[in-house]
Amino acid sequence: MTTSALGVRIRGLGWRYPGRSHWALRNIDLNVEPGERVLIAGASGVGKSTLLRVMAGLADPARAADSVGSIGYRDGGREVGLDQARGRLGLLLQDPETNLLMTRIGDDVAFGLENAAVPSQLIWPEVRKALHEVGIGYGLDRQTAALSGGEKQRVGIASLLARKPGLMLLDEPTANLDPDGVREVVASLRRVLDDGGMTLVLVEHQLAEVTQIVDRIVVLGPDGVAVDGSASHLLTHERDRLAGLGLFLPPLTPLAPPPTPPTPPTPPTPPTPSTPPSGTTWAMRAESVTVTRGRGHEPVLRDIDLQVPSAAAIALLGPNGAGKSTLARTLGGLIRPNRGVVRVPGCDRPLHRLSSRRLARQVGSVFQEPEHQFVAPTVVAELTVGARAVGLGRARAGQVARDLLALLGLERLAEVSPFTLSGGEKRRLAVGAATVGQPDVLVLDEPTFAQDALTWRNLVTLLVEQVAAGRSVVVATHDLPLVDALGAASVRLDRGWLVS
């Protein structure tokens, strides 16, 4: 499938969502020329995802509380409108779930090509090539529901690579990926971009890898574009300025070239479980836990024996699809194991059989998709619900909620719906809601996802304080600086086995 690069021109763009007093975007003037590779950066909640949705034609002005400004597209030397450009726009959304349309991965990647009327004999070679490029080694019939969050993200990227849109818009494409996956995806994007015929606009907080494929950085601020310049100049001469705007900066030394996508590894031989030291106090224990998603499927977790020490942190590490999120949900009492149990001290019932009230006192969880756990109509109510549930009075619960809002940078959003927050804001709210009831154990899936440097530090401070207060923290993560900051013991999974 061939295409030509598409540019975009934005003038005076402002956007305010219903129910919000502040503008998500203000005074945005931006030109992206055909063939450019532009990184959009900025603090969490500054409007980066909204800007991509506007560029993709998904933000309908009729559904905004207020919208101003204009957007147009440039095809070579010709200006075109949204109706002419729409079929050549490709958007990867921040939430991996929302990028999948079909039940099988092959059909999902083929969907865009079929809609573009590509001859069927040309579709499947492109599908296989795109899946290989992003490191997906499953067959085309693999169910999308059986994929991990990071694997879903890879399939979403493969769908765009196969279609080769004239303007590719990527919202945090590497945020859910393991380190090898990041390198594979960045390498595949570079190869497609080097072939020409495509413009790239991507949003990222972690810049170390993606700065290899961009030639320009645009940083958004509360009142428009705060910084706009060449990537090489800004990263060499304006590092302090970028750091002050909340960016995670890459090292100055060149990074090693990414490897060729590897052949999927053979599942490891299960190790002999280690025995905890005598006298160790523990806050939670998994005993021979096996979890299978359905009849005829391979187990997602295989005979997991794991002891979570009291007043300490454990990090669940491993590649996409290793079973980290499933183990986190199982440790949170949210999945009933097919075999084995998860126990907490002083309770003769398995964790998954506890009442919701008793479970909330024992474990606070953060899902990979935090909006799945929101229960209240406003941000402040979401925090207050947890505090009241564990017996805090109204006044004390309100004070705890206000303190957390300040720490998490959510004060101005106190009265809005949790479901309207940005991805990073949702994650901070979910972590706050998990901690507010002061459970014995916190089980957090990618708690630092979509954070800028400042909000990352505040989240880490909150979690370090939880350990210091005598609670146990379990994090499923690819964020190694988080692991170091927590002083966490590392537990590595691979294909459902506990391998170290």
Protein backbone atom coordinates (compact mmCIF):
# COMPACT_ATOMS: atom_id res chain seq x y z
CA MET A 1 0.00 0.00 0.00
CA THR A 2 1.53 3.33 -1.05
CA THR A 3 0.77 6.77 0.33
CA SER A 4 2.20 10.27 0.48
CA ALA A 5 3.13 12.26 3.56
CA LEU A 6 0.46 14.56 4.94
CA GLY A 7 1.17 17.76 6.89
CA VAL A 8 -1.08 19.58 9.34
CA ARG A 9 -1.58 23.29 10.07
CA ILE A 10 -3.23 24.48 13.32
CA ARG A 11 -4.12 28.08 14.10
CA GLY A 12 -5.38 29.48 17.44
CA LEU A 13 -6.69 26.13 18.63
CA GLY A 14 -8.54 26.08 21.92
CA TRP A 15 -10.58 23.22 23.37
CA ARG A 16 -12.62 22.94 26.57
CA TYR A 17 -14.42 19.77 27.61
CA PRO A 18 -17.98 19.79 29.01
CA GLY A 19 -18.01 20.14 32.78
CA ARG A 20 -14.56 21.74 32.89
CA SER A 21 -13.82 25.34 33.80
CA HIS A 22 -10.28 25.26 32.38
CA TRP A 23 -9.25 24.75 28.78
CA ALA A 24 -7.61 21.47 27.78
CA LEU A 25 -5.79 23.36 25.01
CA ARG A 26 -5.28 27.09 24.49
CA ASN A 27 -3.61 29.23 21.85
CA ILE A 28 -2.09 26.34 19.92
CA ASP A 29 -0.34 27.40 16.71
CA LEU A 30 1.51 24.55 15.05
CA ASN A 31 2.74 23.62 11.59
CA VAL A 32 3.90 20.09 10.81
CA GLU A 33 5.26 19.78 7.29
CA PRO A 34 4.78 16.63 5.20
CA GLY A 35 7.47 14.12 6.11
CA GLU A 36 8.43 15.72 9.45
CA ARG A 37 8.92 13.64 12.59
CA VAL A 38 7.66 15.60 15.58
CA LEU A 39 7.62 14.73 19.28
CA ILE A 40 4.88 16.39 21.37
CA ALA A 41 5.91 16.58 25.03
CA GLY A 42 4.80 18.36 28.18
CA ALA A 43 3.44 17.85 31.67
CA SER A 44 0.80 15.25 32.45
CA GLY A 45 -2.66 16.69 31.73
CA VAL A 46 -1.43 19.55 29.56
CA GLY A 47 -3.51 18.42 26.56
CA LYS A 48 -1.19 16.26 24.48
CA SER A 49 -3.71 13.46 23.89
CA THR A 50 -6.43 16.01 23.12
CA LEU A 51 -4.19 17.60 20.48
CA LEU A 52 -3.66 14.22 18.78
CA ARG A 53 -7.39 13.55 18.77
CA VAL A 54 -8.01 16.93 17.16
CA MET A 55 -5.37 16.18 14.51
CA ALA A 56 -7.02 12.81 13.86
CA GLY A 57 -10.44 14.40 13.35
CA LEU A 58 -11.93 12.62 16.38
CA ALA A 59 -12.67 15.73 18.44
CA ASP A 60 -16.05 16.99 17.28
CA PRO A 61 -16.43 20.74 18.04
CA ALA A 62 -20.17 20.19 18.54
CA ARG A 63 -19.37 18.02 21.59
CA ALA A 64 -17.02 20.56 23.20
CA ALA A 65 -18.06 23.11 25.79
CA ASP A 66 -15.98 25.62 23.82
CA SER A 67 -13.73 25.30 20.80
CA VAL A 68 -11.90 27.90 18.74
CA GLY A 69 -9.32 27.96 15.99
CA SER A 70 -8.83 25.99 12.80
CA ILE A 71 -7.06 22.90 11.50
CA GLY A 72 -6.18 21.96 7.96
CA TYR A 73 -3.96 19.44 6.19
CA ARG A 74 -1.26 19.81 3.57
CA ASP A 75 -0.79 17.29 0.78
CA GLY A 76 2.40 18.36 -1.00
CA GLY A 77 1.70 21.93 -2.07
CA ARG A 78 -2.08 21.57 -1.78
CA GLU A 79 -4.28 22.43 1.22
CA VAL A 80 -6.99 19.84 1.96
CA GLY A 81 -9.76 19.57 4.53
CA LEU A 82 -10.58 16.84 7.02
CA ASP A 83 -12.96 15.02 4.66
CA GLN A 84 -10.18 14.61 2.08
CA ALA A 85 -7.53 13.74 4.67
CA ARG A 86 -9.51 11.39 6.93
CA GLY A 87 -8.65 8.15 5.15
CA ARG A 88 -4.95 8.93 5.44
CA LEU A 89 -4.87 9.62 9.17
CA GLY A 90 -3.76 6.94 11.61
CA LEU A 91 -4.11 7.28 15.40
CA LEU A 92 -2.84 5.00 18.15
CA LEU A 93 -4.68 5.84 21.36
CA GLN A 94 -3.09 5.81 24.81
CA ASP A 95 -5.26 2.93 26.11
CA PRO A 96 -4.26 -0.31 24.30
CA GLU A 97 -7.79 -1.72 24.68
CA THR A 98 -9.30 1.03 22.54
CA ASN A 99 -7.05 0.30 19.55
CA LEU A 100 -8.35 -3.23 18.97
CA LEU A 101 -11.43 -3.90 16.87
CA MET A 102 -11.39 -7.62 16.06
CA THR A 103 -11.16 -10.81 18.09
CA ARG A 104 -8.07 -12.23 16.30
CA ILE A 105 -4.78 -10.39 15.89
CA GLY A 106 -4.48 -11.15 12.17
CA ASP A 107 -7.94 -9.75 11.46
CA ASP A 108 -7.20 -6.68 13.57
CA VAL A 109 -4.06 -5.79 11.62
CA ALA A 110 -5.80 -6.57 8.31
CA PHE A 111 -8.83 -4.40 9.11
CA GLY A 112 -7.39 -1.11 7.85
CA LEU A 113 -6.03 -2.69 4.68
CA GLU A 114 -9.38 -4.29 3.91
CA ASN A 115 -11.15 -0.96 4.42
CA ALA A 116 -8.70 0.61 1.97
CA ALA A 117 -9.65 -2.04 -0.62
CA VAL A 118 -6.15 -3.52 -0.79
CA PRO A 119 -6.29 -6.77 -2.83
CA SER A 120 -6.59 -9.75 -0.52
CA GLN A 121 -3.47 -11.46 -1.90
CA LEU A 122 -1.43 -8.43 -0.76
CA ILE A 123 -2.98 -8.05 2.68
CA TRP A 124 -1.68 -11.08 4.56
CA PRO A 125 2.01 -10.69 3.67
CA GLU A 126 1.76 -7.12 5.00
CA VAL A 127 -0.01 -8.35 8.14
CA ARG A 128 2.66 -10.95 8.88
CA LYS A 129 5.45 -8.45 8.19
CA ALA A 130 3.97 -5.81 10.50
CA LEU A 131 3.45 -8.30 13.37
CA HIS A 132 7.02 -9.53 12.99
CA GLU A 133 8.30 -5.94 12.99
CA VAL A 134 6.84 -5.27 16.45
CA GLY A 135 7.93 -8.60 17.93
CA ILE A 136 4.60 -10.45 18.00
CA GLY A 137 5.35 -14.12 17.45
CA TYR A 138 1.86 -15.58 17.84
CA GLY A 139 -0.14 -17.02 14.96
CA LEU A 140 -2.71 -14.87 13.19
CA ASP A 141 -5.56 -16.65 15.01
CA ARG A 142 -4.36 -15.58 18.47
CA GLN A 143 -7.26 -14.04 20.38
CA THR A 144 -6.77 -10.35 21.12
CA ALA A 145 -8.49 -10.85 24.49
CA ALA A 146 -5.66 -13.20 25.51
CA LEU A 147 -2.97 -10.54 24.99
CA SER A 148 -1.29 -8.55 27.73
CA GLY A 149 -1.54 -4.76 27.70
CA GLY A 150 1.89 -4.41 26.11
CA GLU A 151 1.08 -7.03 23.47
CA LYS A 152 -2.15 -5.19 22.63
CA GLN A 153 -0.10 -2.03 22.20
CA ARG A 154 2.22 -3.83 19.77
CA VAL A 155 -0.71 -5.13 17.73
CA GLY A 156 -2.15 -1.60 17.55
CA ILE A 157 1.18 -0.29 16.25
CA ALA A 158 1.37 -3.16 13.74
CA SER A 159 -2.05 -2.18 12.41
CA LEU A 160 -0.74 1.30 11.63
CA LEU A 161 2.56 0.06 10.18
CA ALA A 162 0.67 -2.22 7.80
CA ARG A 163 -1.61 0.58 6.63
CA LYS A 164 1.12 3.24 6.30
CA PRO A 165 -1.04 6.34 6.84
CA GLY A 166 0.12 9.67 5.46
CA LEU A 167 -0.01 11.16 8.99
CA MET A 168 0.71 8.72 11.84
CA LEU A 169 -0.31 9.96 15.30
CA LEU A 170 0.99 7.89 18.23
CA ASP A 171 -0.02 8.53 21.85
CA GLU A 172 2.65 7.04 24.15
CA PRO A 173 3.35 4.06 21.87
CA THR A 174 6.09 2.62 24.11
CA ALA A 175 4.53 3.23 27.55
CA ASN A 176 3.25 -0.35 28.02
CA LEU A 177 6.24 -2.11 26.47
CA ASP A 178 9.12 -3.98 28.03
CA PRO A 179 12.62 -2.63 27.18
CA ASP A 180 13.15 -5.06 24.28
CA GLY A 181 9.70 -4.17 22.96
CA VAL A 182 10.53 -0.46 23.05
CA ARG A 183 13.66 -1.04 20.98
CA GLU A 184 11.83 -3.27 18.50
CA VAL A 185 8.99 -0.80 17.99
CA VAL A 186 11.30 2.19 17.62
CA ALA A 187 13.40 0.25 15.10
CA SER A 188 10.30 -0.69 13.10
CA LEU A 189 9.07 2.91 13.10
CA ARG A 190 12.46 4.08 11.87
CA ARG A 191 12.42 1.60 8.98
CA VAL A 192 8.92 2.65 7.89
CA LEU A 193 9.74 6.35 8.19
CA ASP A 194 12.97 5.96 6.26
CA ASP A 195 10.97 4.49 3.38
CA GLY A 196 9.28 7.90 3.09
CA GLY A 197 5.66 8.83 2.43
CA MET A 198 4.73 9.36 6.07
CA THR A 199 4.61 12.14 8.67
CA LEU A 200 5.00 11.22 12.34
CA VAL A 201 3.59 13.05 15.36
CA LEU A 202 4.04 11.19 18.63
CA VAL A 203 3.46 11.89 22.31
CA GLU A 204 5.90 10.46 24.85
CA HIS A 205 7.17 11.18 28.35
CA GLN A 206 10.17 8.84 28.23
CA LEU A 207 12.39 10.32 25.54
CA ALA A 208 15.52 8.12 25.60
CA GLU A 209 14.54 5.87 22.69
CA VAL A 210 12.10 7.96 20.65
CA THR A 211 14.48 10.90 20.21
CA GLN A 212 16.34 8.64 17.77
CA ILE A 213 13.47 8.95 15.27
CA VAL A 214 12.31 12.56 15.67
CA ASP A 215 13.84 15.71 14.24
CA ARG A 216 11.75 18.22 16.18
CA ILE A 217 10.39 18.61 19.71
CA VAL A 218 7.29 20.66 20.59
CA VAL A 219 6.57 21.14 24.31
CA LEU A 220 3.06 22.20 25.31
CA GLY A 221 2.43 24.48 28.26
CA PRO A 222 -0.78 25.73 29.92
CA ASP A 223 -1.08 28.65 27.47
CA GLY A 224 0.08 27.16 24.19
CA VAL A 225 3.36 25.98 22.71
CA ALA A 226 6.12 26.61 25.27
CA VAL A 227 9.08 25.25 23.28
CA ASP A 228 9.49 24.40 19.60
CA GLY A 229 12.82 23.51 18.06
CA SER A 230 15.10 20.92 16.55
CA ALA A 231 15.62 17.84 18.71
CA SER A 232 19.40 17.98 18.41
CA HIS A 233 19.57 21.62 19.54
CA LEU A 234 17.12 21.32 22.41
CA LEU A 235 18.61 18.11 23.81
CA THR A 236 22.12 19.55 23.66
CA HIS A 237 21.66 23.22 24.63
CA GLU A 238 18.27 23.49 26.38
CA ARG A 239 18.30 20.55 28.76
CA ASP A 240 17.66 22.60 31.90
CA ARG A 241 14.72 24.31 30.25
CA LEU A 242 13.21 20.99 29.15
CA ALA A 243 13.75 19.45 32.59
CA GLY A 244 11.95 22.41 34.15
CA LEU A 245 8.94 21.62 31.96
CA GLY A 246 8.76 18.07 33.36
CA LEU A 247 10.50 16.07 30.63
CA PHE A 248 12.47 12.90 31.28
CA LEU A 249 15.68 13.59 29.34
CA PRO A 250 17.72 10.94 27.53
CA PRO A 251 21.46 10.58 28.17
CA LEU A 252 23.80 12.68 26.05
CA THR A 253 25.79 9.66 24.90
CA PRO A 254 24.49 7.88 21.77
CA LEU A 255 22.36 4.83 22.44
CA ALA A 256 23.25 1.44 21.01
CA PRO A 257 21.40 0.49 17.79
CA PRO A 258 18.27 -1.58 18.44
CA PRO A 259 18.44 -5.33 17.79
CA THR A 260 16.63 -7.24 15.06
CA PRO A 261 13.27 -8.50 16.40
CA PRO A 262 14.05 -11.86 18.05
CA THR A 263 12.39 -15.23 17.59
CA PRO A 264 10.01 -15.82 20.54
CA PRO A 265 11.84 -17.80 23.25
CA THR A 266 11.05 -21.35 24.25
CA PRO A 267 9.13 -21.41 27.56
CA PRO A 268 11.59 -21.89 30.43
CA THR A 269 11.77 -24.93 32.65
CA PRO A 270 10.05 -24.13 35.94
CA PRO A 271 12.53 -23.63 38.79
CA THR A 272 12.35 -25.19 42.22
CA PRO A 273 10.65 -22.63 44.51
CA SER A 274 12.96 -21.13 47.09
CA THR A 275 12.14 -21.38 50.77
CA PRO A 276 11.85 -18.06 52.66
CA PRO A 277 14.33 -17.54 55.49
CA SER A 278 13.18 -18.86 58.83
CA GLY A 279 11.44 -16.21 60.91
CA THR A 280 10.60 -13.93 57.99
CA THR A 281 7.36 -12.04 58.57
CA TRP A 282 5.05 -11.90 55.60
CA ALA A 283 2.05 -9.90 54.52
CA MET A 284 0.82 -12.18 51.74
CA ARG A 285 1.70 -15.57 50.33
CA ALA A 286 0.87 -17.27 47.03
CA GLU A 287 1.01 -21.07 47.17
CA SER A 288 1.22 -23.12 43.94
CA VAL A 289 -0.95 -20.59 42.09
CA THR A 290 -1.97 -21.56 38.55
CA VAL A 291 -4.32 -19.44 36.43
CA THR A 292 -5.76 -20.44 33.04
CA ARG A 293 -7.95 -18.13 30.94
CA GLY A 294 -10.17 -20.89 29.59
CA ARG A 295 -10.52 -24.53 28.62
CA GLY A 296 -7.83 -25.57 26.16
CA HIS A 297 -5.63 -22.50 26.78
CA GLU A 298 -2.09 -22.57 28.11
CA PRO A 299 -1.84 -21.41 31.74
CA VAL A 300 -1.08 -17.72 32.22
CA LEU A 301 0.50 -18.47 35.61
CA ARG A 302 2.15 -21.79 36.42
CA ASP A 303 2.68 -23.03 39.99
CA ILE A 304 3.63 -19.64 41.44
CA ASP A 305 5.04 -19.69 44.96
CA LEU A 306 5.69 -16.17 46.24
CA GLN A 307 5.99 -14.62 49.66
CA VAL A 308 5.45 -10.85 50.07
CA PRO A 309 7.41 -9.62 53.11
CA SER A 310 5.90 -7.17 55.57
CA ALA A 311 6.92 -3.50 55.22
CA ALA A 312 8.85 -4.07 51.99
CA ALA A 313 8.46 -3.76 48.23
CA ILE A 314 8.51 -6.41 45.51
CA ALA A 315 8.69 -5.67 41.77
CA LEU A 316 7.14 -8.09 39.27
CA LEU A 317 9.33 -7.87 36.17
CA GLY A 318 9.38 -9.63 32.81
CA PRO A 319 8.54 -9.22 29.14
CA ASN A 320 5.10 -8.38 27.75
CA GLY A 321 2.87 -11.43 28.10
CA ALA A 322 4.87 -12.93 30.98
CA GLY A 323 1.87 -12.89 33.34
CA LYS A 324 2.67 -9.85 35.50
CA SER A 325 -0.78 -8.25 35.34
CA THR A 326 -2.52 -11.58 35.92
CA LEU A 327 -0.36 -12.23 38.96
CA ALA A 328 -1.06 -8.71 40.25
CA ARG A 329 -4.82 -9.22 39.95
CA THR A 330 -4.53 -12.63 41.61
CA LEU A 331 -2.51 -11.19 44.50
CA GLY A 332 -5.18 -8.50 44.76
CA GLY A 333 -7.87 -11.14 45.34
CA LEU A 334 -9.55 -10.28 42.04
CA ILE A 335 -8.90 -13.58 40.22
CA ARG A 336 -9.70 -17.01 41.59
CA PRO A 337 -6.79 -19.33 40.84
CA ASN A 338 -7.56 -22.55 39.00
CA ARG A 339 -5.20 -24.19 41.43
CA GLY A 340 -3.46 -22.96 44.58
CA VAL A 341 -4.35 -20.10 46.93
CA VAL A 342 -3.30 -16.61 48.00
CA ARG A 343 -3.37 -16.10 51.77
CA VAL A 344 -2.87 -13.27 54.24
CA PRO A 345 -1.87 -13.69 57.91
CA GLY A 346 -4.61 -14.28 60.44
CA CYS A 347 -7.22 -15.31 57.88
CA ASP A 348 -8.23 -18.92 57.23
CA ARG A 349 -9.99 -18.11 53.93
CA PRO A 350 -8.25 -17.63 50.56
CA LEU A 351 -7.99 -13.98 49.52
CA HIS A 352 -10.43 -14.30 46.60
CA ARG A 353 -13.17 -15.51 48.98
CA LEU A 354 -13.08 -12.47 51.27
CA SER A 355 -15.94 -9.99 51.26
CA SER A 356 -15.28 -6.78 49.37
CA ARG A 357 -15.09 -4.80 52.63
CA ARG A 358 -12.63 -7.23 54.22
CA LEU A 359 -10.59 -7.41 51.01
CA ALA A 360 -10.34 -3.60 50.87
CA ARG A 361 -8.80 -3.60 54.34
CA GLN A 362 -6.22 -6.17 53.29
CA VAL A 363 -5.29 -5.11 49.75
CA GLY A 364 -5.43 -1.93 47.67
CA SER A 365 -5.17 -2.56 43.93
CA VAL A 366 -4.45 -0.47 40.85
CA PHE A 367 -5.46 -2.07 37.56
CA GLN A 368 -3.64 -1.65 34.28
CA GLU A 369 -6.84 0.08 33.10
CA PRO A 370 -7.61 2.27 36.16
CA GLU A 371 -10.99 3.50 34.89
CA HIS A 372 -12.28 -0.05 35.47
CA GLN A 373 -12.08 0.55 39.22
CA PHE A 374 -13.60 4.03 39.52
CA VAL A 375 -16.91 4.07 41.41
CA ALA A 376 -17.59 7.72 42.31
CA PRO A 377 -18.91 10.66 40.25
CA THR A 378 -16.03 13.04 41.06
CA VAL A 379 -12.31 12.86 41.69
CA VAL A 380 -12.57 13.97 45.33
CA ALA A 381 -15.43 11.53 45.96
CA GLU A 382 -13.30 8.69 44.56
CA LEU A 383 -10.74 9.37 47.27
CA THR A 384 -13.31 9.97 50.00
CA VAL A 385 -15.16 6.68 49.29
CA GLY A 386 -12.11 4.63 50.20
CA ALA A 387 -11.44 6.61 53.36
CA ARG A 388 -15.03 6.27 54.57
CA ALA A 389 -15.09 2.55 53.71
CA VAL A 390 -12.39 1.84 56.28
CA GLY A 391 -14.14 3.80 59.01
CA LEU A 392 -12.70 7.33 58.83
CA GLY A 393 -15.16 10.02 59.84
CA ARG A 394 -16.43 12.51 57.29
CA ALA A 395 -14.08 15.31 58.37
CA ARG A 396 -11.00 13.09 58.54
CA ALA A 397 -11.82 11.43 55.21
CA GLY A 398 -12.20 14.84 53.59
CA GLN A 399 -8.84 16.00 54.92
CA VAL A 400 -7.09 12.84 53.70
CA ALA A 401 -8.65 13.32 50.27
CA ARG A 402 -7.57 16.98 50.07
CA ASP A 403 -4.00 16.11 51.07
CA LEU A 404 -3.84 13.47 48.35
CA LEU A 405 -5.29 15.81 45.73
CA ALA A 406 -2.48 18.27 46.46
CA LEU A 407 0.24 15.62 46.37
CA LEU A 408 -1.07 14.10 43.15
CA GLY A 409 -1.57 17.42 41.36
CA LEU A 410 -5.34 16.90 41.01
CA GLU A 411 -6.68 19.82 43.07
CA ARG A 412 -8.17 21.74 40.15
CA LEU A 413 -9.89 18.54 38.99
CA ALA A 414 -11.52 17.70 42.33
CA GLU A 415 -15.10 18.07 41.10
CA VAL A 416 -14.80 16.53 37.62
CA SER A 417 -15.61 12.95 36.64
CA PRO A 418 -12.68 10.52 36.98
CA PHE A 419 -13.53 9.15 33.54
CA THR A 420 -12.71 12.47 31.85
CA LEU A 421 -9.13 12.65 33.16
CA SER A 422 -6.04 12.15 31.03
CA GLY A 423 -4.29 8.79 31.19
CA GLY A 424 -1.65 10.03 33.62
CA GLU A 425 -4.23 11.74 35.81
CA LYS A 426 -6.34 8.57 35.97
CA ARG A 427 -3.29 6.59 37.05
CA ARG A 428 -2.44 9.05 39.84
CA LEU A 429 -6.04 9.03 41.08
CA ALA A 430 -6.12 5.22 41.09
CA VAL A 431 -2.91 5.05 43.14
CA GLY A 432 -4.28 7.61 45.57
CA ALA A 433 -7.56 5.72 45.92
CA ALA A 434 -5.67 2.48 46.60
CA THR A 435 -3.61 4.05 49.39
CA VAL A 436 -6.31 6.09 51.09
CA GLY A 437 -7.76 3.14 53.02
CA GLN A 438 -4.31 2.22 54.39
CA PRO A 439 -4.49 -1.49 53.47
CA ASP A 440 -1.78 -3.89 54.58
CA VAL A 441 -0.67 -4.56 50.99
CA LEU A 442 -0.72 -2.43 47.84
CA VAL A 443 -0.69 -4.26 44.49
CA LEU A 444 -0.10 -1.79 41.68
CA ASP A 445 0.02 -2.48 37.94
CA GLU A 446 2.27 0.06 36.15
CA PRO A 447 1.64 2.80 38.74
CA THR A 448 3.93 5.34 37.01
CA PHE A 449 2.42 5.00 33.51
CA ALA A 450 2.05 8.30 31.57
CA GLN A 451 3.72 10.50 34.21
CA ASP A 452 5.99 13.48 33.68
CA ALA A 453 9.11 13.89 35.80
CA LEU A 454 7.35 15.87 38.55
CA THR A 455 4.27 13.66 38.90
CA TRP A 456 6.55 10.60 38.78
CA ARG A 457 8.51 11.91 41.76
CA ASN A 458 5.32 12.62 43.70
CA LEU A 459 3.95 9.12 43.06
CA VAL A 460 7.22 7.52 44.07
CA THR A 461 7.32 9.65 47.23
CA LEU A 462 3.83 8.43 48.12
CA LEU A 463 4.81 4.77 47.61
CA VAL A 464 8.07 5.09 49.55
CA GLU A 465 6.05 6.58 52.42
CA GLN A 466 3.72 3.57 52.33
CA VAL A 467 6.63 1.18 52.84
CA ALA A 468 8.07 3.39 55.59
CA ALA A 469 4.66 3.24 57.33
CA GLY A 470 4.89 -0.56 57.48
CA ARG A 471 2.86 -1.53 54.41
CA SER A 472 3.93 -3.92 51.67
CA VAL A 473 4.01 -2.75 48.05
CA VAL A 474 3.92 -5.01 45.00
CA VAL A 475 4.42 -3.32 41.62
CA ALA A 476 4.13 -4.89 38.18
CA THR A 477 6.30 -2.59 36.11
CA HIS A 478 8.90 -1.94 33.43
CA ASP A 479 10.01 1.20 35.28
CA LEU A 480 13.42 0.27 36.72
CA PRO A 481 14.02 3.68 38.36
CA LEU A 482 10.81 3.04 40.33
CA VAL A 483 12.17 -0.36 41.41
CA ASP A 484 15.40 1.30 42.58
CA ALA A 485 13.58 4.11 44.41
CA LEU A 486 11.46 1.59 46.33
CA GLY A 487 14.44 -0.63 47.11
CA ALA A 488 12.25 -3.43 45.79
CA ALA A 489 13.26 -7.06 45.53
CA SER A 490 12.83 -8.18 41.91
CA VAL A 491 10.74 -11.18 40.94
CA ARG A 492 10.94 -12.11 37.25
CA LEU A 493 8.28 -13.95 35.27
CA ASP A 494 8.49 -15.52 31.82
CA ARG A 495 5.62 -17.28 30.06
CA GLY A 496 3.82 -17.71 33.38
CA TRP A 497 6.76 -19.22 35.26
CA LEU A 498 8.48 -17.57 38.19
CA VAL A 499 12.08 -17.71 36.93
CA SER A 500 13.93 -15.67 39.56
